[in-house]
């Protein structure tokens, strides 16, 4: 009887629906004009740094 009143005992589908709803609400709040918009306009930089070519040192090139 008390199982239906406990919020912890829900099926997986219901839990996923709640998570999705939560995520949608957060995205909607983030897309409002009053929210700090400078984060959205910031360009993403690649985090891959070019590594030097060590072939000469490895092969003992002149």
Protein backbone atom coordinates (compact mmCIF):
# COMPACT_ATOMS: atom_id res chain seq x y z
CA UNK A 1 0.00 0.00 0.00
CA UNK A 2 2.74 2.49 0.95
CA UNK A 3 4.79 1.56 -2.14
CA UNK A 4 2.90 3.95 -4.42
CA UNK A 5 3.49 6.86 -2.02
CA UNK A 6 7.27 6.43 -1.97
CA UNK A 7 8.98 8.49 -4.67
CA UNK A 8 11.99 6.15 -4.86
CA UNK A 9 10.11 3.18 -6.28
CA UNK A 10 9.40 4.19 -9.89
CA UNK A 11 10.09 2.29 -13.06
CA UNK A 12 13.00 3.14 -15.33
CA UNK A 13 10.83 4.70 -18.03
CA UNK A 14 9.29 7.12 -15.56
CA UNK A 15 12.70 8.01 -14.16
CA UNK A 16 14.01 8.75 -17.67
CA UNK A 17 10.96 10.90 -18.41
CA UNK A 18 11.60 12.95 -15.29
CA UNK A 19 15.28 13.36 -16.17
CA UNK A 20 14.39 14.49 -19.68
CA UNK A 21 11.85 16.97 -18.36
CA UNK A 22 14.44 18.34 -15.94
CA UNK A 23 16.98 18.70 -18.73
CA UNK A 24 14.49 20.52 -20.96
CA UNK A 25 13.67 22.96 -18.17
CA UNK A 26 17.35 23.70 -17.61
CA UNK A 27 17.92 24.29 -21.32
CA UNK A 28 14.87 26.56 -21.51
CA UNK A 29 16.18 28.56 -18.56
CA UNK A 30 19.61 28.81 -20.18
CA UNK A 31 18.15 30.06 -23.47
CA UNK A 32 16.28 32.97 -21.91
CA UNK A 33 17.61 36.36 -23.02
CA UNK A 34 18.24 37.54 -19.46
CA UNK A 35 20.63 34.66 -18.81
CA UNK A 36 24.32 35.44 -19.36
CA UNK A 37 24.40 35.13 -23.14
CA UNK A 38 28.15 35.64 -23.47
CA UNK A 39 28.65 31.93 -22.79
CA UNK A 40 26.70 30.96 -25.89
CA UNK A 41 28.58 33.31 -28.22
CA UNK A 42 32.00 32.17 -27.04
CA UNK A 43 33.78 30.22 -29.77
CA UNK A 44 35.10 26.80 -28.88
CA UNK A 45 38.83 26.30 -29.26
CA UNK A 46 40.46 23.01 -30.07
CA UNK A 47 42.28 21.55 -27.11
CA UNK A 48 44.67 19.60 -29.32
CA UNK A 49 48.11 21.14 -29.08
CA UNK A 50 50.52 20.43 -31.91
CA UNK A 51 53.36 18.25 -30.77
CA UNK A 52 56.84 18.79 -32.18
CA UNK A 53 58.17 16.28 -34.70
CA UNK A 54 60.86 14.29 -32.88
CA UNK A 55 61.78 12.08 -35.82
CA UNK A 56 65.15 13.75 -36.33
CA UNK A 57 66.13 13.30 -32.71
CA UNK A 58 64.90 9.69 -32.65
CA UNK A 59 66.68 8.62 -35.84
CA UNK A 60 69.81 10.68 -35.13
CA UNK A 61 69.38 12.71 -38.30
CA UNK A 62 72.10 15.21 -39.16
